[in-house]
PDB file of N, CA and C in Angstrom:
ATOM      1  N   MET A   1     190.922 268.230  28.396  1.00  0.00           N
ATOM      2  CA  MET A   1     190.960 268.725  29.701  1.00  0.00           C
ATOM      3  C   MET A   1     191.506 267.617  30.619  1.00  0.00           C
ATOM      4  N   ASP A   2     191.036 266.425  30.379  1.00  0.00           N
ATOM      5  CA  ASP A   2     191.457 265.305  31.258  1.00  0.00           C
ATOM      6  C   ASP A   2     192.928 265.028  31.301  1.00  0.00           C
ATOM      7  N   ARG A   3     193.592 265.111  30.082  1.00  0.00           N
ATOM      8  CA  ARG A   3     195.051 265.105  29.930  1.00  0.00           C
ATOM      9  C   ARG A   3     195.784 266.175  30.758  1.00  0.00           C
ATOM     10  N   ILE A   4     195.326 267.367  30.514  1.00  0.00           N
ATOM     11  CA  ILE A   4     195.905 268.523  31.300  1.00  0.00           C
ATOM     12  C   ILE A   4     195.681 268.221  32.798  1.00  0.00           C
ATOM     13  N   ALA A   5     194.581 267.930  33.240  1.00  0.00           N
ATOM     14  CA  ALA A   5     194.359 267.705  34.853  1.00  0.00           C
ATOM     15  C   ALA A   5     195.337 266.486  35.255  1.00  0.00           C
ATOM     16  N   GLU A   6     195.378 265.422  34.366  1.00  0.00           N
ATOM     17  CA  GLU A   6     196.189 264.295  34.754  1.00  0.00           C
ATOM     18  C   GLU A   6     197.773 264.862  34.931  1.00  0.00           C
ATOM     19  N   GLY A   7     198.213 265.484  33.970  1.00  0.00           N
ATOM     20  CA  GLY A   7     199.437 266.066  34.010  1.00  0.00           C
ATOM     21  C   GLY A   7     199.735 267.003  35.199  1.00  0.00           C
ATOM     22  N   ALA A   8     198.765 267.882  35.424  1.00  0.00           N
ATOM     23  CA  ALA A   8     198.824 268.734  36.598  1.00  0.00           C
ATOM     24  C   ALA A   8     198.851 268.226  37.912  1.00  0.00           C
ATOM     25  N   SER A   9     198.107 267.068  37.928  1.00  0.00           N
ATOM     26  CA  SER A   9     198.010 266.182  39.320  1.00  0.00           C
ATOM     27  C   SER A   9     199.411 265.734  39.733  1.00  0.00           C
ATOM     28  N   ARG A  10     200.280 265.568  38.797  1.00  0.00           N
ATOM     29  CA  ARG A  10     201.664 265.179  39.169  1.00  0.00           C
ATOM     30  C   ARG A  10     202.607 266.116  39.683  1.00  0.00           C
ATOM     31  N   ALA A  11     202.192 267.363  39.315  1.00  0.00           N
ATOM     32  CA  ALA A  11     203.029 268.522  39.842  1.00  0.00           C
ATOM     33  C   ALA A  11     203.286 268.549  41.383  1.00  0.00           C
ATOM     34  N   THR A  12     204.433 268.981  41.653  1.00  0.00           N
ATOM     35  CA  THR A  12     204.745 269.224  43.118  1.00  0.00           C
ATOM     36  C   THR A  12     204.550 270.467  43.732  1.00  0.00           C
ATOM     37  N   THR A  13     204.234 271.304  42.868  1.00  0.00           N
ATOM     38  CA  THR A  13     204.007 272.772  43.324  1.00  0.00           C
ATOM     39  C   THR A  13     202.777 273.363  42.591  1.00  0.00           C
ATOM     40  N   ARG A  14     201.874 274.098  43.100  1.00  0.00           N
ATOM     41  CA  ARG A  14     200.858 274.762  42.433  1.00  0.00           C
ATOM     42  C   ARG A  14     201.208 276.279  42.426  1.00  0.00           C
ATOM     43  N   PRO A  15     201.429 276.896  41.234  1.00  0.00           N
ATOM     44  CA  PRO A  15     201.738 278.381  41.201  1.00  0.00           C
ATOM     45  C   PRO A  15     200.447 279.082  41.629  1.00  0.00           C
ATOM     46  N   ARG A  16     200.700 280.369  42.309  1.00  0.00           N
ATOM     47  CA  ARG A  16     199.574 281.281  42.625  1.00  0.00           C
ATOM     48  C   ARG A  16     199.281 281.963  41.233  1.00  0.00           C
ATOM     49  N   VAL A  17     197.977 281.915  40.880  1.00  0.00           N
ATOM     50  CA  VAL A  17     197.458 282.426  39.567  1.00  0.00           C
ATOM     51  C   VAL A  17     196.342 283.340  39.772  1.00  0.00           C
ATOM     52  N   SER A  18     196.171 284.367  39.041  1.00  0.00           N
ATOM     53  CA  SER A  18     194.956 285.212  38.997  1.00  0.00           C
ATOM     54  C   SER A  18     194.568 285.522  37.632  1.00  0.00           C
ATOM     55  N   CYS A  19     193.404 285.346  37.346  1.00  0.00           N
ATOM     56  CA  CYS A  19     192.770 285.587  36.031  1.00  0.00           C
ATOM     57  C   CYS A  19     192.004 286.897  36.156  1.00  0.00           C
ATOM     58  N   ILE A  20     192.600 287.977  35.487  1.00  0.00           N
ATOM     59  CA  ILE A  20     192.030 289.326  35.666  1.00  0.00           C
ATOM     60  C   ILE A  20     191.130 289.511  34.400  1.00  0.00           C
ATOM     61  N   LYS A  21     189.804 289.783  34.651  1.00  0.00           N
ATOM     62  CA  LYS A  21     188.829 289.876  33.368  1.00  0.00           C
ATOM     63  C   LYS A  21     188.854 291.376  32.868  1.00  0.00           C
ATOM     64  N   TRP A  22     189.275 292.436  33.745  1.00  0.00           N
ATOM     65  CA  TRP A  22     189.231 293.703  33.520  1.00  0.00           C
ATOM     66  C   TRP A  22     190.165 294.567  34.460  1.00  0.00           C
ATOM     67  N   VAL A  23     190.802 295.556  34.137  1.00  0.00           N
ATOM     68  CA  VAL A  23     191.777 296.166  34.911  1.00  0.00           C
ATOM     69  C   VAL A  23     191.297 297.479  35.570  1.00  0.00           C
ATOM     70  N   ASP A  24     190.272 298.049  35.151  1.00  0.00           N
ATOM     71  CA  ASP A  24     189.749 299.354  35.703  1.00  0.00           C
ATOM     72  C   ASP A  24     188.317 299.412  35.824  1.00  0.00           C
ATOM     73  N   PRO A  25     187.632 298.984  36.630  1.00  0.00           N
ATOM     74  CA  PRO A  25     188.222 298.444  38.021  1.00  0.00           C
ATOM     75  C   PRO A  25     188.775 296.989  37.751  1.00  0.00           C
ATOM     76  N   THR A  26     189.564 296.514  38.758  1.00  0.00           N
ATOM     77  CA  THR A  26     190.182 295.329  38.574  1.00  0.00           C
ATOM     78  C   THR A  26     189.160 294.216  38.949  1.00  0.00           C
ATOM     79  N   ILE A  27     188.877 293.215  37.963  1.00  0.00           N
ATOM     80  CA  ILE A  27     187.915 292.195  38.302  1.00  0.00           C
ATOM     81  C   ILE A  27     188.570 290.858  38.097  1.00  0.00           C
ATOM     82  N   ALA A  28     188.562 290.136  39.196  1.00  0.00           N
ATOM     83  CA  ALA A  28     188.997 288.774  39.203  1.00  0.00           C
ATOM     84  C   ALA A  28     187.933 287.809  38.564  1.00  0.00           C
ATOM     85  N   GLY A  29     188.420 286.811  37.774  1.00  0.00           N
ATOM     86  CA  GLY A  29     187.491 285.860  37.162  1.00  0.00           C
ATOM     87  C   GLY A  29     186.847 285.019  38.130  1.00  0.00           C
ATOM     88  N   GLY A  30     185.569 284.657  37.971  1.00  0.00           N
ATOM     89  CA  GLY A  30     184.819 283.840  38.733  1.00  0.00           C
ATOM     90  C   GLY A  30     184.105 282.604  37.996  1.00  0.00           C
ATOM     91  N   ARG A  31     183.075 282.071  38.495  1.00  0.00           N
ATOM     92  CA  ARG A  31     182.320 281.079  38.040  1.00  0.00           C
ATOM     93  C   ARG A  31     183.277 279.917  37.706  1.00  0.00           C
ATOM     94  N   TRP A  32     183.550 279.508  36.433  1.00  0.00           N
ATOM     95  CA  TRP A  32     184.314 278.343  36.127  1.00  0.00           C
ATOM     96  C   TRP A  32     185.831 278.606  36.060  1.00  0.00           C
ATOM     97  N   VAL A  33     186.310 279.909  36.093  1.00  0.00           N
ATOM     98  CA  VAL A  33     187.796 280.250  35.924  1.00  0.00           C
ATOM     99  C   VAL A  33     188.510 279.568  37.044  1.00  0.00           C
ATOM    100  N   PRO A  34     188.257 279.771  38.427  1.00  0.00           N
ATOM    101  CA  PRO A  34     189.033 279.054  39.379  1.00  0.00           C
ATOM    102  C   PRO A  34     189.205 277.574  39.210  1.00  0.00           C
ATOM    103  N   GLU A  35     188.078 276.908  38.762  1.00  0.00           N
ATOM    104  CA  GLU A  35     188.246 275.473  38.477  1.00  0.00           C
ATOM    105  C   GLU A  35     189.185 275.134  37.400  1.00  0.00           C
ATOM    106  N   MET A  36     189.110 275.883  36.364  1.00  0.00           N
ATOM    107  CA  MET A  36     190.078 275.786  35.141  1.00  0.00           C
ATOM    108  C   MET A  36     191.596 275.918  35.592  1.00  0.00           C
ATOM    109  N   VAL A  37     191.710 276.987  36.534  1.00  0.00           N
ATOM    110  CA  VAL A  37     193.010 277.070  36.923  1.00  0.00           C
ATOM    111  C   VAL A  37     193.514 276.031  37.711  1.00  0.00           C
ATOM    112  N   ARG A  38     192.643 275.372  38.597  1.00  0.00           N
ATOM    113  CA  ARG A  38     192.980 274.360  39.459  1.00  0.00           C
ATOM    114  C   ARG A  38     193.201 273.025  38.639  1.00  0.00           C
ATOM    115  N   LEU A  39     192.404 272.845  37.624  1.00  0.00           N
ATOM    116  CA  LEU A  39     192.521 271.685  36.702  1.00  0.00           C
ATOM    117  C   LEU A  39     194.085 271.584  36.027  1.00  0.00           C
ATOM    118  N   ALA A  40     194.392 272.999  35.679  1.00  0.00           N
ATOM    119  CA  ALA A  40     195.623 273.091  35.028  1.00  0.00           C
ATOM    120  C   ALA A  40     196.855 273.184  36.020  1.00  0.00           C
ATOM    121  N   GLY A  41     196.553 273.044  37.115  1.00  0.00           N
ATOM    122  CA  GLY A  41     197.718 272.924  38.134  1.00  0.00           C
ATOM    123  C   GLY A  41     198.002 274.131  39.050  1.00  0.00           C
ATOM    124  N   GLY A  42     197.234 275.154  38.905  1.00  0.00           N
ATOM    125  CA  GLY A  42     197.458 276.343  39.658  1.00  0.00           C
ATOM    126  C   GLY A  42     196.405 276.584  40.899  1.00  0.00           C
ATOM    127  N   THR A  43     196.580 277.582  41.530  1.00  0.00           N
ATOM    128  CA  THR A  43     195.843 277.993  42.569  1.00  0.00           C
ATOM    129  C   THR A  43     195.223 279.510  42.332  1.00  0.00           C
ATOM    130  N   ASP A  44     194.080 279.623  42.280  1.00  0.00           N
ATOM    131  CA  ASP A  44     193.522 281.008  42.177  1.00  0.00           C
ATOM    132  C   ASP A  44     192.874 281.479  43.380  1.00  0.00           C
ATOM    133  N   GLY A  45     193.561 282.234  44.096  1.00  0.00           N
ATOM    134  CA  GLY A  45     193.172 282.818  45.420  1.00  0.00           C
ATOM    135  C   GLY A  45     192.368 284.030  45.464  1.00  0.00           C
ATOM    136  N   LEU A  46     192.110 284.525  44.153  1.00  0.00           N
ATOM    137  CA  LEU A  46     191.393 285.743  44.051  1.00  0.00           C
ATOM    138  C   LEU A  46     189.872 285.515  43.406  1.00  0.00           C
ATOM    139  N   GLY A  47     189.778 284.453  42.657  1.00  0.00           N
ATOM    140  CA  GLY A  47     188.486 284.203  42.070  1.00  0.00           C
ATOM    141  C   GLY A  47     187.795 283.203  42.964  1.00  0.00           C
ATOM    142  N   HIS A  48     186.359 283.104  42.738  1.00  0.00           N
ATOM    143  CA  HIS A  48     185.706 282.243  43.628  1.00  0.00           C
ATOM    144  C   HIS A  48     184.851 281.133  42.746  1.00  0.00           C
ATOM    145  N   ASP A  49     184.903 279.901  43.045  1.00  0.00           N
ATOM    146  CA  ASP A  49     184.199 278.924  42.160  1.00  0.00           C
ATOM    147  C   ASP A  49     182.871 279.243  42.216  1.00  0.00           C
ATOM    148  N   GLY A  50     182.067 279.286  41.042  1.00  0.00           N
ATOM    149  CA  GLY A  50     180.664 279.374  40.918  1.00  0.00           C
ATOM    150  C   GLY A  50     180.217 280.796  41.170  1.00  0.00           C
ATOM    151  N   ALA A  51     180.939 281.714  41.669  1.00  0.00           N
ATOM    152  CA  ALA A  51     180.461 283.071  42.087  1.00  0.00           C
ATOM    153  C   ALA A  51     180.788 283.991  40.797  1.00  0.00           C
ATOM    154  N   PRO A  52     180.009 285.001  40.715  1.00  0.00           N
ATOM    155  CA  PRO A  52     180.369 285.863  39.583  1.00  0.00           C
ATOM    156  C   PRO A  52     181.626 286.612  39.812  1.00  0.00           C
ATOM    157  N   PRO A  53     182.316 287.076  38.662  1.00  0.00           N
ATOM    158  CA  PRO A  53     183.524 287.733  38.753  1.00  0.00           C
ATOM    159  C   PRO A  53     183.450 288.866  39.782  1.00  0.00           C
ATOM    160  N   THR A  54     184.530 289.121  40.492  1.00  0.00           N
ATOM    161  CA  THR A  54     184.440 289.918  41.719  1.00  0.00           C
ATOM    162  C   THR A  54     185.422 291.285  41.455  1.00  0.00           C
ATOM    163  N   VAL A  55     184.949 292.273  41.824  1.00  0.00           N
ATOM    164  CA  VAL A  55     185.801 293.693  41.721  1.00  0.00           C
ATOM    165  C   VAL A  55     186.867 293.446  43.005  1.00  0.00           C
ATOM    166  N   ILE A  56     188.087 293.605  42.765  1.00  0.00           N
ATOM    167  CA  ILE A  56     189.150 293.522  43.842  1.00  0.00           C
ATOM    168  C   ILE A  56     190.064 294.719  43.714  1.00  0.00           C
ATOM    169  N   PRO A  57     190.559 295.151  44.869  1.00  0.00           N
ATOM    170  CA  PRO A  57     191.637 296.129  44.850  1.00  0.00           C
ATOM    171  C   PRO A  57     192.822 295.579  44.238  1.00  0.00           C
ATOM    172  N   TRP A  58     193.516 296.394  43.352  1.00  0.00           N
ATOM    173  CA  TRP A  58     194.742 295.944  42.737  1.00  0.00           C
ATOM    174  C   TRP A  58     195.793 295.448  43.741  1.00  0.00           C
ATOM    175  N   GLU A  59     195.835 296.184  44.781  1.00  0.00           N
ATOM    176  CA  GLU A  59     196.687 295.845  45.919  1.00  0.00           C
ATOM    177  C   GLU A  59     196.512 294.478  46.549  1.00  0.00           C
ATOM    178  N   LEU A  60     195.275 293.947  46.447  1.00  0.00           N
ATOM    179  CA  LEU A  60     194.991 292.576  46.847  1.00  0.00           C
ATOM    180  C   LEU A  60     195.814 291.618  45.893  1.00  0.00           C
ATOM    181  N   ALA A  61     195.774 291.857  44.576  1.00  0.00           N
ATOM    182  CA  ALA A  61     196.469 291.002  43.748  1.00  0.00           C
ATOM    183  C   ALA A  61     197.915 291.068  43.965  1.00  0.00           C
ATOM    184  N   VAL A  62     198.482 292.201  44.271  1.00  0.00           N
ATOM    185  CA  VAL A  62     199.916 292.312  44.679  1.00  0.00           C
ATOM    186  C   VAL A  62     200.229 291.534  45.922  1.00  0.00           C
ATOM    187  N   GLN A  63     199.392 291.688  46.945  1.00  0.00           N
ATOM    188  CA  GLN A  63     199.665 291.007  48.083  1.00  0.00           C
ATOM    189  C   GLN A  63     199.568 289.509  48.021  1.00  0.00           C
ATOM    190  N   TYR A  64     198.775 289.115  47.170  1.00  0.00           N
ATOM    191  CA  TYR A  64     198.539 287.669  47.024  1.00  0.00           C
ATOM    192  C   TYR A  64     199.794 287.011  46.526  1.00  0.00           C
ATOM    193  N   GLY A  65     200.762 287.786  45.897  1.00  0.00           N
ATOM    194  CA  GLY A  65     202.144 287.267  45.476  1.00  0.00           C
ATOM    195  C   GLY A  65     201.942 286.455  44.265  1.00  0.00           C
ATOM    196  N   LEU A  66     201.199 286.898  43.170  1.00  0.00           N
ATOM    197  CA  LEU A  66     201.111 286.162  41.963  1.00  0.00           C
ATOM    198  C   LEU A  66     202.252 285.652  41.341  1.00  0.00           C
ATOM    199  N   VAL A  67     202.213 284.447  40.757  1.00  0.00           N
ATOM    200  CA  VAL A  67     203.332 283.944  39.997  1.00  0.00           C
ATOM    201  C   VAL A  67     202.840 283.990  38.533  1.00  0.00           C
ATOM    202  N   VAL A  68     201.650 283.745  38.225  1.00  0.00           N
ATOM    203  CA  VAL A  68     201.113 283.855  36.874  1.00  0.00           C
ATOM    204  C   VAL A  68     199.992 284.867  36.949  1.00  0.00           C
ATOM    205  N   LEU A  69     199.944 285.685  35.965  1.00  0.00           N
ATOM    206  CA  LEU A  69     198.814 286.664  35.731  1.00  0.00           C
ATOM    207  C   LEU A  69     198.266 286.425  34.303  1.00  0.00           C
ATOM    208  N   VAL A  70     196.994 286.042  34.200  1.00  0.00           N
ATOM    209  CA  VAL A  70     196.201 285.817  33.100  1.00  0.00           C
ATOM    210  C   VAL A  70     195.385 287.087  32.759  1.00  0.00           C
ATOM    211  N   ALA A  71     195.590 287.634  31.706  1.00  0.00           N
ATOM    212  CA  ALA A  71     194.804 288.849  31.374  1.00  0.00           C
ATOM    213  C   ALA A  71     193.670 288.274  30.468  1.00  0.00           C
ATOM    214  N   MET A  72     192.537 288.380  30.842  1.00  0.00           N
ATOM    215  CA  MET A  72     191.477 287.801  30.006  1.00  0.00           C
ATOM    216  C   MET A  72     190.777 288.984  29.195  1.00  0.00           C
ATOM    217  N   GLY A  73     190.214 288.747  28.085  1.00  0.00           N
ATOM    218  CA  GLY A  73     189.515 289.753  27.392  1.00  0.00           C
ATOM    219  C   GLY A  73     188.141 289.464  26.982  1.00  0.00           C
TER     220      GLY A  73
END
């Protein structure tokens, strides 16, 4: 994790990422997931650090302008 975070810290941009745990309803990852995205060099604008996964309208994910979508199972 330290090597990944170190490499990501040198990146000049941070892609907009969303980690979706479920699609019906659409559930954005929470708890540790946004931190992992940040450490890997991304920005998760739909999940919340330390908070439970959140049901979100799919339209919100589209409006966020995702660059990377991670489908979690």
